[in-house]
C-alpha atoms as a PDB file:
ATOM      1  CA  MET A   1     -63.281  -8.609 -75.794  1.00  0.00           C
ATOM      2  CA  LYS A   2     -62.530  -5.260 -74.194  1.00  0.00           C
ATOM      3  CA  TYR A   3     -59.086  -3.968 -73.244  1.00  0.00           C
ATOM      4  CA  HIS A   4     -59.399  -4.580 -69.508  1.00  0.00           C
ATOM      5  CA  GLU A   5     -60.708  -8.107 -70.140  1.00  0.00           C
ATOM      6  CA  PHE A   6     -57.853  -8.879 -72.544  1.00  0.00           C
ATOM      7  CA  ILE A   7     -55.245  -7.707 -70.033  1.00  0.00           C
ATOM      8  CA  GLY A   8     -57.012  -9.519 -67.188  1.00  0.00           C
ATOM      9  CA  GLU A   9     -57.033 -12.790 -69.129  1.00  0.00           C
ATOM     10  CA  VAL A  10     -53.326 -12.453 -69.981  1.00  0.00           C
ATOM     11  CA  LEU A  11     -52.614 -11.703 -66.309  1.00  0.00           C
ATOM     12  CA  GLN A  12     -54.479 -14.816 -65.205  1.00  0.00           C
ATOM     13  CA  HIS A  13     -53.145 -17.230 -67.852  1.00  0.00           C
ATOM     14  CA  GLY A  14     -49.584 -15.946 -67.569  1.00  0.00           C
ATOM     15  CA  GLY A  15     -49.470 -16.020 -63.780  1.00  0.00           C
ATOM     16  CA  MET A  16     -48.185 -12.459 -63.673  1.00  0.00           C
ATOM     17  CA  ALA A  17     -47.819 -10.327 -60.577  1.00  0.00           C
ATOM     18  CA  SER A  18     -49.549  -7.204 -61.908  1.00  0.00           C
ATOM     19  CA  ARG A  19     -51.577  -5.713 -64.737  1.00  0.00           C
ATOM     20  CA  ARG A  20     -48.472  -3.710 -65.627  1.00  0.00           C
ATOM     21  CA  ASP A  21     -46.599  -6.976 -66.220  1.00  0.00           C
ATOM     22  CA  ALA A  22     -49.461  -8.226 -68.387  1.00  0.00           C
ATOM     23  CA  VAL A  23     -49.399  -5.030 -70.470  1.00  0.00           C
ATOM     24  CA  LYS A  24     -45.626  -5.397 -70.972  1.00  0.00           C
ATOM     25  CA  ALA A  25     -46.124  -9.006 -72.099  1.00  0.00           C
ATOM     26  CA  VAL A  26     -48.873  -8.040 -74.542  1.00  0.00           C
ATOM     27  CA  GLN A  27     -46.800  -5.231 -76.002  1.00  0.00           C
ATOM     28  CA  ALA A  28     -43.635  -7.343 -76.326  1.00  0.00           C
ATOM     29  CA  THR A  29     -45.434 -10.340 -77.829  1.00  0.00           C
ATOM     30  CA  LEU A  30     -47.558  -8.415 -80.328  1.00  0.00           C
ATOM     31  CA  GLN A  31     -44.676  -6.240 -81.504  1.00  0.00           C
ATOM     32  CA  THR A  32     -42.539  -9.317 -82.047  1.00  0.00           C
ATOM     33  CA  LEU A  33     -45.318 -11.271 -83.739  1.00  0.00           C
ATOM     34  CA  ALA A  34     -45.966  -8.356 -86.105  1.00  0.00           C
ATOM     35  CA  GLU A  35     -42.330  -8.431 -87.220  1.00  0.00           C
ATOM     36  CA  GLY A  36     -42.968 -11.778 -88.873  1.00  0.00           C
ATOM     37  CA  LEU A  37     -46.174 -10.761 -90.675  1.00  0.00           C
ATOM     38  CA  ARG A  38     -47.001  -8.887 -93.855  1.00  0.00           C
ATOM     39  CA  ALA A  39     -48.340  -5.366 -93.342  1.00  0.00           C
ATOM     40  CA  GLN A  40     -51.829  -6.260 -94.555  1.00  0.00           C
ATOM     41  CA  GLU A  41     -52.076  -9.092 -92.011  1.00  0.00           C
ATOM     42  CA  VAL A  42     -50.943  -6.761 -89.233  1.00  0.00           C
ATOM     43  CA  GLN A  43     -53.649  -4.287 -90.278  1.00  0.00           C
ATOM     44  CA  ARG A  44     -56.311  -7.000 -90.388  1.00  0.00           C
ATOM     45  CA  LEU A  45     -55.299  -8.307 -86.977  1.00  0.00           C
ATOM     46  CA  SER A  46     -55.261  -4.767 -85.628  1.00  0.00           C
ATOM     47  CA  SER A  47     -58.823  -4.169 -86.817  1.00  0.00           C
ATOM     48  CA  ARG A  48     -60.043  -7.175 -84.812  1.00  0.00           C
ATOM     49  CA  LEU A  49     -58.535  -6.071 -81.505  1.00  0.00           C
ATOM     50  CA  PRO A  50     -59.548  -3.405 -79.004  1.00  0.00           C
ATOM     51  CA  PRO A  51     -57.872  -0.095 -80.001  1.00  0.00           C
ATOM     52  CA  GLN A  52     -55.746  -0.041 -76.846  1.00  0.00           C
ATOM     53  CA  ILE A  53     -54.366  -3.496 -77.766  1.00  0.00           C
ATOM     54  CA  SER A  54     -53.974  -2.862 -81.497  1.00  0.00           C
ATOM     55  CA  PHE A  55     -51.900   0.174 -80.530  1.00  0.00           C
ATOM     56  CA  TYR A  56     -49.059  -2.277 -79.817  1.00  0.00           C
ATOM     57  CA  LEU A  57     -49.034  -3.569 -83.395  1.00  0.00           C
ATOM     58  CA  PRO A  58     -46.658  -1.517 -85.545  1.00  0.00           C
ATOM     59  CA  GLN A  59     -48.358  -0.420 -88.750  1.00  0.00           C
ATOM     60  CA  ARG A  60     -45.247  -0.219 -90.926  1.00  0.00           C
ATOM     61  CA  VAL A  61     -43.584  -3.572 -90.888  1.00  0.00           C
ATOM     62  CA  VAL A  62     -41.233  -5.234 -93.326  1.00  0.00           C
ATOM     63  CA  PRO A  63     -41.651  -8.964 -92.635  1.00  0.00           C
ATOM     64  CA  ASP A  64     -38.619 -10.584 -91.092  1.00  0.00           C
ATOM     65  CA  ARG A  65     -38.161 -14.363 -91.197  1.00  0.00           C
ATOM     66  CA  PHE A  66     -36.936 -15.597 -87.844  1.00  0.00           C
ATOM     67  CA  GLY A  67     -37.286 -18.799 -85.903  1.00  0.00           C
ATOM     68  CA  LEU A  68     -39.082 -19.612 -82.700  1.00  0.00           C
ATOM     69  CA  SER A  69     -35.967 -19.230 -80.548  1.00  0.00           C
ATOM     70  CA  GLU A  70     -35.449 -15.737 -81.939  1.00  0.00           C
ATOM     71  CA  PHE A  71     -39.132 -14.946 -81.327  1.00  0.00           C
ATOM     72  CA  PHE A  72     -38.764 -15.755 -77.630  1.00  0.00           C
ATOM     73  CA  PHE A  73     -35.432 -13.935 -77.444  1.00  0.00           C
ATOM     74  CA  ARG A  74     -37.047 -10.776 -78.860  1.00  0.00           C
ATOM     75  CA  VAL A  75     -40.033 -11.028 -76.524  1.00  0.00           C
ATOM     76  CA  SER A  76     -37.658 -11.565 -73.599  1.00  0.00           C
ATOM     77  CA  SER A  77     -35.564  -8.535 -74.577  1.00  0.00           C
ATOM     78  CA  ARG A  78     -38.590  -6.286 -74.982  1.00  0.00           C
ATOM     79  CA  GLU A  79     -40.241  -7.466 -71.813  1.00  0.00           C
ATOM     80  CA  GLN A  80     -36.936  -7.500 -69.913  1.00  0.00           C
ATOM     81  CA  VAL A  81     -37.515 -10.925 -68.376  1.00  0.00           C
ATOM     82  CA  ASP A  82     -35.734 -14.264 -68.807  1.00  0.00           C
ATOM     83  CA  ILE A  83     -36.572 -16.566 -71.712  1.00  0.00           C
ATOM     84  CA  SER A  84     -38.624 -19.047 -69.674  1.00  0.00           C
ATOM     85  CA  LEU A  85     -40.835 -16.291 -68.288  1.00  0.00           C
ATOM     86  CA  ALA A  86     -41.109 -14.626 -71.706  1.00  0.00           C
ATOM     87  CA  THR A  87     -42.181 -17.974 -73.171  1.00  0.00           C
ATOM     88  CA  ARG A  88     -44.945 -18.400 -70.601  1.00  0.00           C
ATOM     89  CA  HIS A  89     -46.097 -14.823 -71.074  1.00  0.00           C
ATOM     90  CA  ALA A  90     -46.065 -15.046 -74.879  1.00  0.00           C
ATOM     91  CA  LEU A  91     -48.134 -18.231 -74.759  1.00  0.00           C
ATOM     92  CA  ALA A  92     -50.639 -16.497 -72.479  1.00  0.00           C
ATOM     93  CA  VAL A  93     -50.883 -13.567 -74.888  1.00  0.00           C
ATOM     94  CA  LEU A  94     -51.377 -15.895 -77.866  1.00  0.00           C
ATOM     95  CA  LEU A  95     -54.069 -17.820 -76.005  1.00  0.00           C
ATOM     96  CA  VAL A  96     -56.020 -14.622 -75.312  1.00  0.00           C
ATOM     97  CA  LEU A  97     -55.335 -13.388 -78.844  1.00  0.00           C
ATOM     98  CA  GLU A  98     -56.969 -16.515 -80.256  1.00  0.00           C
ATOM     99  CA  GLU A  99     -59.922 -16.152 -77.880  1.00  0.00           C
ATOM    100  CA  THR A 100     -60.334 -12.603 -79.143  1.00  0.00           C
ATOM    101  CA  VAL A 101     -59.847 -12.951 -82.903  1.00  0.00           C
ATOM    102  CA  GLY A 102     -60.789 -16.606 -83.421  1.00  0.00           C
ATOM    103  CA  ALA A 103     -59.106 -19.701 -84.793  1.00  0.00           C
ATOM    104  CA  GLU A 104     -59.561 -18.656 -88.428  1.00  0.00           C
ATOM    105  CA  GLU A 105     -57.532 -15.478 -87.939  1.00  0.00           C
ATOM    106  CA  ILE A 106     -54.882 -17.438 -86.060  1.00  0.00           C
ATOM    107  CA  GLU A 107     -54.609 -19.809 -89.037  1.00  0.00           C
ATOM    108  CA  GLU A 108     -53.986 -16.793 -91.278  1.00  0.00           C
ATOM    109  CA  LEU A 109     -51.132 -15.781 -88.983  1.00  0.00           C
ATOM    110  CA  ARG A 110     -49.665 -19.291 -88.925  1.00  0.00           C
ATOM    111  CA  GLU A 111     -49.532 -19.405 -92.704  1.00  0.00           C
ATOM    112  CA  GLN A 112     -47.202 -16.402 -92.771  1.00  0.00           C
ATOM    113  CA  LEU A 113     -44.790 -17.696 -90.168  1.00  0.00           C
ATOM    114  CA  PRO A 114     -42.204 -20.490 -90.391  1.00  0.00           C
ATOM    115  CA  PRO A 115     -43.649 -23.978 -89.725  1.00  0.00           C
ATOM    116  CA  GLU A 116     -42.016 -24.250 -86.296  1.00  0.00           C
ATOM    117  CA  PHE A 117     -44.361 -21.479 -85.089  1.00  0.00           C
ATOM    118  CA  GLY A 118     -47.224 -23.954 -85.365  1.00  0.00           C
ATOM    119  CA  ARG A 119     -46.166 -25.270 -81.958  1.00  0.00           C
ATOM    120  CA  LEU A 120     -46.888 -21.855 -80.476  1.00  0.00           C
ATOM    121  CA  PHE A 121     -50.441 -21.845 -81.664  1.00  0.00           C
ATOM    122  CA  GLU A 122     -51.083 -25.482 -80.780  1.00  0.00           C
ATOM    123  CA  GLY A 123     -50.653 -24.475 -77.151  1.00  0.00           C
ATOM    124  CA  ALA A 124     -53.132 -21.665 -77.568  1.00  0.00           C
ATOM    125  CA  ARG A 125     -55.598 -23.823 -79.484  1.00  0.00           C
ATOM    126  CA  HIS A 126     -55.613 -26.501 -76.790  1.00  0.00           C
ATOM    127  CA  LYS A 127     -55.807 -23.916 -74.003  1.00  0.00           C
ATOM    128  CA  GLU A 128     -52.573 -25.168 -72.514  1.00  0.00           C
ATOM    129  CA  LEU A 129     -49.593 -23.120 -71.483  1.00  0.00           C
ATOM    130  CA  ARG A 130     -46.875 -25.671 -72.010  1.00  0.00           C
ATOM    131  CA  ALA A 131     -43.218 -25.151 -72.705  1.00  0.00           C
ATOM    132  CA  VAL A 132     -42.266 -25.043 -76.352  1.00  0.00           C
END
């Protein structure tokens, strides 16, 4: 998937008003997701994304264990939107991420995150944007 397609899909699935909003959601979600992953997983994920998308994944990360509520709080803070909107946007980003990198890569990510994060990826796997 190319950059403009990735952003367009996030825009559509997240019900955002503009491509700029979609870019902010992608950046906020990927940066936050990367905080919970080992550096080698971040690098592997980065290599499977368009360069303009992988740019949002920090390359020097010390994994931080945090829960799902904290994940959405961090996305919300970065994106500067309320939690409910950040949740919808993050789910849209994760849906498009799975479409781009595949279910196997998503499973690799899930294994590094606390079990409660499985609910995040269930929504992406079933192509549903439901509240977590």
